[in-house]
């Protein structure tokens, strides 16, 4: 569900015409719906009703402070994977006791930053990290609360580049070694084990891999308790997919995910954390772009947009599909044309779709990439010295620019020429 609908022949973001935003800020730009962000967070929160829980938004999906503040005001925690994300969360007003620090490569500086600024827990990914965390915390006179991320060797059945729970992936410790690692952790002075962490991947479209992983975590919880460890919290990660191609995808609903959690680990009496990102932000955002040219090739037509792979890299990186729609609603029975939809960057990889059926469009027409709210703006770059595109947040019938487009002077002024040149 989202709040981007046609009204009177024009695509709207909630109650704001998308074309009105384009006229004000120029294209390309990202636009997010407050109502969609709110609804998707609430679906997860309601799915765990009756359990002690915290929904920690995985802010790597979309990390603008306005989005973080919107979710934090609803009661969300934050899952961060870098010192920069930690600083963003704190700047957005998220208290440290609602921030979970994940990631395989936490540096000493990041550990100190979180310990001094306040942290709910560290999700420890390796034995070397655990030793460093203990050393740093002990040196500061602190005790760091931790969960240990276990790798359950479960195939998430998703894209290889976003699968994180198989034995060959870099994440977590092998679940077969968990008892030894937890015993080692109990002997370290600067940390306190409070639970178990697991996350098997992103864009999962079926529940069976989650069930396999959660049942392994339930068994491990009971084993560790028998060994004398106090396991009070289970961080079950995120990864639930969204329908990118609306015609043929129907991922499980948050309610189904919550029911699975209750069925597999609900009997353990643990506080539950989940870390959804994509499902909260993905369908809450559009990338809006303008047609620069319609080009006739040898055997195809190209729709050349002002948006490019540096603005939305998912198609180039993952062969990802995004529904692309005209901002002006086509008339019933309109002519359909097969376009290769491309950007202006000097890379053949700057291709969003091939042979995509679209209404016949002219230069200046606006198009919108649906389901672009997650891993869109956060993965963008200034390749080809193209400015980062604006981000816009809509609430009801008004909108605000939450990240402005930088000028060329602002981009270029960041360079420093050595004195010998």
Protein backbone atom coordinates (compact mmCIF):
# COMPACT_ATOMS: atom_id res chain seq x y z
CA UNK A 1 0.00 0.00 0.00
CA UNK A 2 1.17 3.53 -0.72
CA UNK A 3 -0.25 7.03 -1.02
CA UNK A 4 0.78 7.76 -4.62
CA UNK A 5 -2.43 7.72 -6.64
CA UNK A 6 -3.89 9.31 -9.75
CA UNK A 7 -6.51 12.00 -9.18
CA UNK A 8 -8.15 13.89 -12.01
CA UNK A 9 -5.56 12.57 -14.41
CA UNK A 10 -2.51 13.55 -12.33
CA UNK A 11 -0.29 11.46 -10.06
CA UNK A 12 -0.42 12.74 -6.48
CA UNK A 13 1.80 12.25 -3.47
CA UNK A 14 -0.87 12.17 -0.78
CA UNK A 15 -2.78 15.39 -1.60
CA UNK A 16 0.00 17.11 -3.54
CA UNK A 17 0.26 16.84 -7.35
CA UNK A 18 3.66 15.42 -8.24
CA UNK A 19 3.91 17.88 -11.13
CA UNK A 20 3.55 20.74 -8.64
CA UNK A 21 6.61 19.51 -6.76
CA UNK A 22 8.53 19.14 -10.03
CA UNK A 23 7.72 22.72 -10.95
CA UNK A 24 9.01 23.93 -7.59
CA UNK A 25 12.22 21.92 -7.18
CA UNK A 26 13.08 20.67 -10.68
CA UNK A 27 13.82 17.11 -11.72
CA UNK A 28 15.00 14.59 -10.85
CA UNK A 29 13.94 14.39 -7.20
CA UNK A 30 12.86 11.88 -4.57
CA UNK A 31 9.53 12.33 -2.81
CA UNK A 32 8.38 10.45 0.29
CA UNK A 33 4.93 10.05 1.81
CA UNK A 34 4.57 10.56 5.55
CA UNK A 35 1.31 8.59 5.55
CA UNK A 36 2.98 5.58 3.92
CA UNK A 37 5.97 5.64 6.27
CA UNK A 38 3.60 5.85 9.22
CA UNK A 39 1.33 3.07 8.04
CA UNK A 40 4.15 0.67 7.29
CA UNK A 41 5.81 1.21 10.66
CA UNK A 42 2.48 0.68 12.40
CA UNK A 43 1.92 -2.60 10.54
CA UNK A 44 5.10 -4.02 12.07
CA UNK A 45 4.36 -2.58 15.50
CA UNK A 46 0.85 -4.05 15.47
CA UNK A 47 2.16 -7.41 14.23
CA UNK A 48 4.09 -7.83 17.50
CA UNK A 49 1.28 -6.62 19.72
CA UNK A 50 1.20 -8.62 22.94
CA UNK A 51 4.98 -9.17 22.96
CA UNK A 52 7.62 -7.00 24.60
CA UNK A 53 9.21 -5.57 21.47
CA UNK A 54 10.92 -2.71 19.68
CA UNK A 55 10.76 -2.05 15.94
CA UNK A 56 14.20 -0.69 15.00
CA UNK A 57 14.09 0.92 11.57
CA UNK A 58 17.09 -0.15 9.46
CA UNK A 59 18.07 3.34 8.47
CA UNK A 60 20.47 2.24 5.73
CA UNK A 61 17.30 2.00 3.59
CA UNK A 62 16.67 5.77 3.72
CA UNK A 63 18.41 7.92 6.28
CA UNK A 64 17.26 11.51 5.83
CA UNK A 65 16.74 13.05 9.26
CA UNK A 66 13.15 14.00 8.43
CA UNK A 67 12.35 10.33 7.80
CA UNK A 68 14.12 9.30 10.99
CA UNK A 69 12.28 11.95 13.03
CA UNK A 70 8.94 10.86 11.53
CA UNK A 71 9.52 7.26 12.59
CA UNK A 72 11.12 8.07 15.95
CA UNK A 73 8.08 10.14 16.88
CA UNK A 74 6.02 6.98 16.32
CA UNK A 75 8.21 5.08 18.80
CA UNK A 76 10.69 3.47 16.44
CA UNK A 77 14.20 2.52 17.42
CA UNK A 78 17.04 2.69 14.88
CA UNK A 79 19.38 0.05 13.52
CA UNK A 80 22.65 1.71 12.46
CA UNK A 81 25.69 0.29 10.71
CA UNK A 82 28.20 3.16 10.89
CA UNK A 83 29.29 6.07 13.02
CA UNK A 84 27.72 8.38 10.48
CA UNK A 85 24.35 6.68 10.77
CA UNK A 86 24.65 6.80 14.57
CA UNK A 87 25.31 10.56 14.37
CA UNK A 88 22.33 11.01 12.03
CA UNK A 89 20.03 9.13 14.37
CA UNK A 90 21.12 11.21 17.35
CA UNK A 91 20.81 14.44 15.34
CA UNK A 92 17.26 13.41 14.45
CA UNK A 93 16.44 13.16 18.15
CA UNK A 94 16.64 9.40 18.64
CA UNK A 95 17.85 8.56 22.17
CA UNK A 96 20.82 6.25 22.51
CA UNK A 97 18.81 3.61 24.34
CA UNK A 98 16.77 3.10 21.16
CA UNK A 99 19.77 2.63 18.85
CA UNK A 100 21.16 -0.79 17.91
CA UNK A 101 24.62 -0.85 16.32
CA UNK A 102 25.06 -3.57 13.68
CA UNK A 103 27.72 -4.13 10.99
CA UNK A 104 30.75 -6.35 10.49
CA UNK A 105 33.45 -3.68 10.68
CA UNK A 106 32.88 -1.41 13.68
CA UNK A 107 35.99 0.66 14.32
CA UNK A 108 37.35 1.66 17.73
CA UNK A 109 36.30 5.24 17.02
CA UNK A 110 32.72 4.12 16.26
CA UNK A 111 32.61 1.97 19.39
CA UNK A 112 33.77 4.89 21.54
CA UNK A 113 31.26 7.20 19.83
CA UNK A 114 28.36 4.88 20.66
CA UNK A 115 29.51 4.06 24.19
CA UNK A 116 29.92 7.72 25.07
CA UNK A 117 26.74 8.81 23.28
CA UNK A 118 24.53 6.01 24.55
CA UNK A 119 23.57 2.71 22.95
CA UNK A 120 20.91 0.05 23.37
CA UNK A 121 23.18 -2.78 22.25
CA UNK A 122 25.96 -3.78 19.90
CA UNK A 123 25.20 -6.67 17.57
CA UNK A 124 28.62 -8.34 17.60
CA UNK A 125 29.63 -10.01 14.34
CA UNK A 126 32.98 -11.67 15.11
CA UNK A 127 35.32 -12.76 17.88
CA UNK A 128 37.94 -10.08 17.08
CA UNK A 129 35.24 -7.42 17.27
CA UNK A 130 34.05 -8.82 20.60
CA UNK A 131 37.58 -8.61 22.03
CA UNK A 132 38.05 -5.02 20.85
CA UNK A 133 34.63 -3.99 22.15
CA UNK A 134 35.44 -5.43 25.58
CA UNK A 135 38.83 -3.72 25.65
CA UNK A 136 37.45 -0.32 24.62
CA UNK A 137 34.46 -0.46 26.96
CA UNK A 138 36.58 -1.62 29.90
CA UNK A 139 39.05 1.18 29.22
CA UNK A 140 36.21 3.69 29.43
CA UNK A 141 34.91 2.17 32.63
CA UNK A 142 31.77 0.93 30.88
CA UNK A 143 30.06 -2.36 30.20
CA UNK A 144 28.69 -2.72 26.67
CA UNK A 145 25.42 -4.65 26.23
CA UNK A 146 25.74 -7.09 23.32
CA UNK A 147 23.95 -9.67 21.31
CA UNK A 148 26.04 -12.01 19.18
CA UNK A 149 24.99 -12.38 15.57
CA UNK A 150 24.81 -16.01 14.58
CA UNK A 151 24.94 -17.18 10.99
CA UNK A 152 22.35 -19.96 10.74
CA UNK A 153 23.42 -21.15 7.25
CA UNK A 154 19.95 -20.57 5.83
CA UNK A 155 19.41 -19.73 2.17
CA UNK A 156 17.22 -16.62 2.07
CA UNK A 157 16.35 -17.32 -1.60
CA UNK A 158 17.01 -13.74 -2.55
CA UNK A 159 19.57 -11.93 -4.73
CA UNK A 160 23.09 -13.18 -4.00
CA UNK A 161 24.31 -9.65 -3.24
CA UNK A 162 21.75 -9.17 -0.43
CA UNK A 163 21.85 -12.65 1.09
CA UNK A 164 23.50 -12.57 4.51
CA UNK A 165 22.65 -15.83 6.31
CA UNK A 166 24.56 -18.50 4.38
CA UNK A 167 27.80 -19.99 5.62
CA UNK A 168 29.84 -18.31 2.85
CA UNK A 169 28.53 -14.82 3.72
CA UNK A 170 30.69 -12.46 5.76
CA UNK A 171 28.09 -11.89 8.47
CA UNK A 172 27.99 -13.29 12.00
CA UNK A 173 29.60 -16.33 13.59
CA UNK A 174 28.71 -19.88 12.53
CA UNK A 175 25.86 -21.08 14.70
CA UNK A 176 27.80 -24.29 15.25
CA UNK A 177 30.40 -22.27 17.19
CA UNK A 178 27.93 -20.25 19.23
CA UNK A 179 28.27 -22.10 22.56
CA UNK A 180 32.04 -21.61 22.61
CA UNK A 181 31.83 -17.94 21.60
CA UNK A 182 29.16 -17.18 24.21
CA UNK A 183 31.35 -18.85 26.84
CA UNK A 184 34.28 -16.68 25.79
CA UNK A 185 32.07 -13.59 25.89
CA UNK A 186 30.98 -14.33 29.45
CA UNK A 187 34.62 -14.14 30.56
CA UNK A 188 35.33 -10.71 29.06
CA UNK A 189 35.19 -7.71 31.43
CA UNK A 190 33.81 -4.95 29.19
CA UNK A 191 30.71 -6.61 27.78
CA UNK A 192 27.46 -8.13 28.99
CA UNK A 193 25.67 -10.67 26.84
CA UNK A 194 21.94 -10.00 26.71
CA UNK A 195 20.77 -11.93 23.68
CA UNK A 196 21.09 -13.35 20.19
CA UNK A 197 21.00 -11.60 16.82
CA UNK A 198 20.19 -13.10 13.42
CA UNK A 199 19.56 -11.58 9.99
CA UNK A 200 19.51 -13.70 6.83
CA UNK A 201 19.04 -11.23 3.98
CA UNK A 202 16.92 -8.63 2.26
CA UNK A 203 13.94 -8.68 -0.10
CA UNK A 204 12.68 -12.09 1.07
CA UNK A 205 9.41 -13.00 -0.58
CA UNK A 206 8.52 -16.11 1.43
CA UNK A 207 8.45 -16.96 5.13
CA UNK A 208 10.07 -20.40 5.11
CA UNK A 209 13.69 -19.15 5.35
CA UNK A 210 12.72 -16.95 8.32
CA UNK A 211 11.07 -19.93 10.02
CA UNK A 212 14.16 -22.10 9.55
CA UNK A 213 16.39 -19.39 11.03
CA UNK A 214 14.08 -18.53 13.93
CA UNK A 215 13.69 -22.18 14.95
CA UNK A 216 17.47 -22.50 15.07
CA UNK A 217 17.60 -19.36 17.23
CA UNK A 218 14.93 -20.78 19.57
CA UNK A 219 16.92 -23.98 19.99
CA UNK A 220 20.12 -22.02 20.59
CA UNK A 221 18.37 -19.85 23.20
CA UNK A 222 17.41 -22.89 25.24
CA UNK A 223 20.90 -24.39 24.90
CA UNK A 224 22.60 -21.18 26.03
CA UNK A 225 20.26 -20.84 28.99
CA UNK A 226 21.16 -24.38 29.98
CA UNK A 227 24.80 -23.29 29.82
CA UNK A 228 24.00 -20.51 32.29
CA UNK A 229 23.70 -17.50 29.97
CA UNK A 230 20.96 -14.94 30.53
CA UNK A 231 19.27 -14.58 27.14
CA UNK A 232 16.59 -11.91 27.44
CA UNK A 233 16.52 -10.33 23.98
CA UNK A 234 16.27 -11.70 20.45
CA UNK A 235 17.09 -9.43 17.53
CA UNK A 236 15.49 -11.17 14.55
CA UNK A 237 16.57 -8.71 11.87
CA UNK A 238 14.45 -7.63 8.94
CA UNK A 239 14.43 -8.42 5.26
CA UNK A 240 10.77 -8.78 4.40
CA UNK A 241 10.34 -7.97 0.70
CA UNK A 242 8.12 -5.49 -1.09
CA UNK A 243 6.25 -5.81 -4.41
CA UNK A 244 8.45 -4.06 -6.96
CA UNK A 245 6.67 -5.53 -9.99
CA UNK A 246 3.09 -5.19 -8.89
CA UNK A 247 1.76 -7.68 -11.41
CA UNK A 248 3.54 -10.77 -10.14
CA UNK A 249 4.88 -10.26 -6.60
CA UNK A 250 3.01 -10.80 -3.36
CA UNK A 251 5.50 -10.97 -0.46
CA UNK A 252 4.21 -11.95 3.00
CA UNK A 253 2.57 -9.25 5.08
CA UNK A 254 4.01 -7.88 8.33
CA UNK A 255 1.11 -9.57 10.15
CA UNK A 256 2.27 -12.93 8.77
CA UNK A 257 5.83 -12.15 9.84
CA UNK A 258 4.66 -11.26 13.34
CA UNK A 259 2.58 -14.44 13.61
CA UNK A 260 5.65 -16.46 12.61
CA UNK A 261 7.74 -14.78 15.31
CA UNK A 262 5.10 -15.54 17.94
CA UNK A 263 4.87 -19.14 16.78
CA UNK A 264 8.61 -19.83 16.70
CA UNK A 265 10.09 -17.83 19.60
CA UNK A 266 7.11 -16.46 21.52
CA UNK A 267 7.35 -19.15 24.18
CA UNK A 268 10.84 -18.04 25.23
CA UNK A 269 9.75 -14.90 27.09
CA UNK A 270 12.34 -12.74 25.35
CA UNK A 271 12.04 -9.13 24.30
CA UNK A 272 11.87 -9.09 20.49
CA UNK A 273 13.60 -6.63 18.18
CA UNK A 274 13.09 -6.50 14.44
CA UNK A 275 14.91 -4.32 11.94
CA UNK A 276 12.72 -3.62 8.90
CA UNK A 277 13.96 -1.02 6.45
CA UNK A 278 12.93 -1.71 2.88
CA UNK A 279 9.28 -2.49 3.69
CA UNK A 280 8.90 0.71 5.71
CA UNK A 281 10.59 3.04 3.22
CA UNK A 282 10.48 1.31 -0.17
CA UNK A 283 6.93 1.95 -1.28
CA UNK A 284 6.93 5.27 0.58
CA UNK A 285 9.09 6.93 -2.06
CA UNK A 286 9.18 7.83 -5.75
CA UNK A 287 12.00 9.04 -7.96
CA UNK A 288 10.55 11.58 -10.38
CA UNK A 289 12.37 12.35 -13.62
CA UNK A 290 11.81 14.23 -16.88
CA UNK A 291 12.16 12.96 -20.43
CA UNK A 292 15.00 14.83 -22.18
CA UNK A 293 14.78 13.12 -25.55
CA UNK A 294 12.94 10.34 -27.32
CA UNK A 295 15.57 8.76 -29.58
CA UNK A 296 14.94 6.35 -32.43
CA UNK A 297 17.64 3.67 -32.59
CA UNK A 298 18.25 0.96 -35.18
CA UNK A 299 15.64 -1.39 -33.79
CA UNK A 300 14.31 0.32 -30.67
CA UNK A 301 13.28 3.61 -29.16
CA UNK A 302 15.14 5.12 -26.23
CA UNK A 303 13.51 7.23 -23.57
CA UNK A 304 16.38 9.39 -22.30
CA UNK A 305 15.71 10.79 -18.84
CA UNK A 306 17.41 13.42 -16.70
CA UNK A 307 17.59 10.84 -13.89
CA UNK A 308 20.54 8.45 -14.06
CA UNK A 309 22.25 5.49 -12.45
CA UNK A 310 23.97 7.82 -9.99
CA UNK A 311 20.51 8.81 -8.72
CA UNK A 312 19.06 5.27 -8.62
CA UNK A 313 21.72 2.58 -8.92
CA UNK A 314 19.61 -0.49 -8.08
CA UNK A 315 18.84 -1.44 -11.72
CA UNK A 316 22.52 -1.22 -12.68
CA UNK A 317 23.76 -2.99 -9.54
CA UNK A 318 21.11 -5.66 -9.00
CA UNK A 319 19.22 -5.78 -12.33
CA UNK A 320 16.39 -4.49 -10.14
CA UNK A 321 12.92 -3.82 -11.49
CA UNK A 322 11.02 -0.63 -10.72
CA UNK A 323 7.59 0.10 -12.11
CA UNK A 324 7.91 3.31 -14.15
CA UNK A 325 4.74 5.30 -14.74
CA UNK A 326 3.77 8.53 -16.44
CA UNK A 327 2.93 11.33 -14.01
CA UNK A 328 0.11 12.39 -16.33
CA UNK A 329 -2.40 9.55 -16.31
CA UNK A 330 -2.78 7.95 -19.74
CA UNK A 331 -6.18 7.98 -21.38
CA UNK A 332 -8.06 4.66 -21.52
CA UNK A 333 -6.99 2.69 -24.58
CA UNK A 334 -3.84 4.77 -25.00
CA UNK A 335 -1.08 3.76 -27.41
CA UNK A 336 1.67 1.64 -25.83
CA UNK A 337 5.29 1.92 -26.96
CA UNK A 338 8.25 -0.30 -26.06
CA UNK A 339 11.10 1.88 -24.77
CA UNK A 340 14.58 1.26 -23.49
CA UNK A 341 14.55 3.71 -20.56
CA UNK A 342 18.00 5.16 -19.95
CA UNK A 343 19.80 8.01 -18.27
CA UNK A 344 22.42 10.47 -19.61
CA UNK A 345 25.48 9.01 -17.82
CA UNK A 346 28.26 7.76 -20.13
CA UNK A 347 27.83 4.10 -19.18
CA UNK A 348 25.86 1.41 -20.98
CA UNK A 349 24.90 0.28 -17.48
CA UNK A 350 22.91 3.50 -17.10
CA UNK A 351 19.81 1.63 -18.19
CA UNK A 352 16.67 1.40 -16.06
CA UNK A 353 14.60 -0.90 -18.28
CA UNK A 354 14.65 -2.53 -21.71
CA UNK A 355 11.61 -2.96 -23.91
CA UNK A 356 9.38 -1.48 -21.21
CA UNK A 357 5.83 -0.85 -22.40
CA UNK A 358 4.85 2.75 -21.69
CA UNK A 359 2.35 5.29 -22.98
CA UNK A 360 3.75 7.29 -25.85
CA UNK A 361 5.78 10.12 -24.30
CA UNK A 362 7.36 13.32 -25.53
CA UNK A 363 10.30 15.41 -24.34
CA UNK A 364 9.38 17.20 -21.12
CA UNK A 365 7.03 14.50 -19.87
CA UNK A 366 7.39 13.46 -16.24
CA UNK A 367 7.81 9.84 -15.18
CA UNK A 368 7.93 8.31 -11.71
CA UNK A 369 9.86 5.29 -10.49
CA UNK A 370 7.72 3.50 -7.94
CA UNK A 371 9.06 1.73 -4.85
CA UNK A 372 12.19 3.90 -4.91
CA UNK A 373 12.13 4.99 -1.27
CA UNK A 374 14.60 2.33 -0.06
CA UNK A 375 18.22 2.19 -1.25
CA UNK A 376 17.60 5.03 -3.67
CA UNK A 377 18.80 8.36 -2.31
CA UNK A 378 21.14 6.72 0.20
CA UNK A 379 23.08 4.94 -2.57
CA UNK A 380 23.21 7.92 -4.90
CA UNK A 381 26.43 9.67 -5.88
CA UNK A 382 27.80 12.64 -7.77
CA UNK A 383 29.22 10.58 -10.61
CA UNK A 384 29.77 12.70 -13.74
CA UNK A 385 29.60 15.70 -11.36
CA UNK A 386 25.85 15.34 -11.26
CA UNK A 387 24.39 16.95 -8.14
CA UNK A 388 22.67 14.77 -5.58
CA UNK A 389 18.96 15.10 -6.25
CA UNK A 390 16.63 16.82 -3.80
CA UNK A 391 14.58 14.82 -1.32
CA UNK A 392 11.05 16.00 -0.57
CA UNK A 393 8.70 14.92 2.21
CA UNK A 394 4.94 15.22 1.77
CA UNK A 395 2.38 15.34 4.56
CA UNK A 396 -1.26 15.72 3.57
CA UNK A 397 -1.48 18.72 1.21
CA UNK A 398 1.93 20.29 1.80
CA UNK A 399 5.54 19.39 1.09
CA UNK A 400 9.02 20.39 2.20
CA UNK A 401 12.46 19.96 0.68
CA UNK A 402 14.39 17.87 3.20
CA UNK A 403 17.63 17.77 1.18
CA UNK A 404 18.28 20.54 -1.34
CA UNK A 405 20.05 20.05 -4.64
CA UNK A 406 23.63 21.37 -4.31
CA UNK A 407 24.94 23.85 -6.85
CA UNK A 408 27.92 23.09 -9.06
CA UNK A 409 29.90 25.69 -7.09
CA UNK A 410 29.14 23.88 -3.85
CA UNK A 411 30.28 20.57 -5.34
CA UNK A 412 33.44 21.93 -6.91
CA UNK A 413 34.40 24.00 -3.86
CA UNK A 414 34.96 20.79 -1.89
CA UNK A 415 38.04 20.09 -4.00
CA UNK A 416 41.38 21.39 -2.81
CA UNK A 417 44.19 22.02 -5.30
CA UNK A 418 47.70 21.39 -3.89
CA UNK A 419 49.97 24.40 -3.54
CA UNK A 420 52.39 23.08 -6.17
CA UNK A 421 49.75 23.23 -8.92
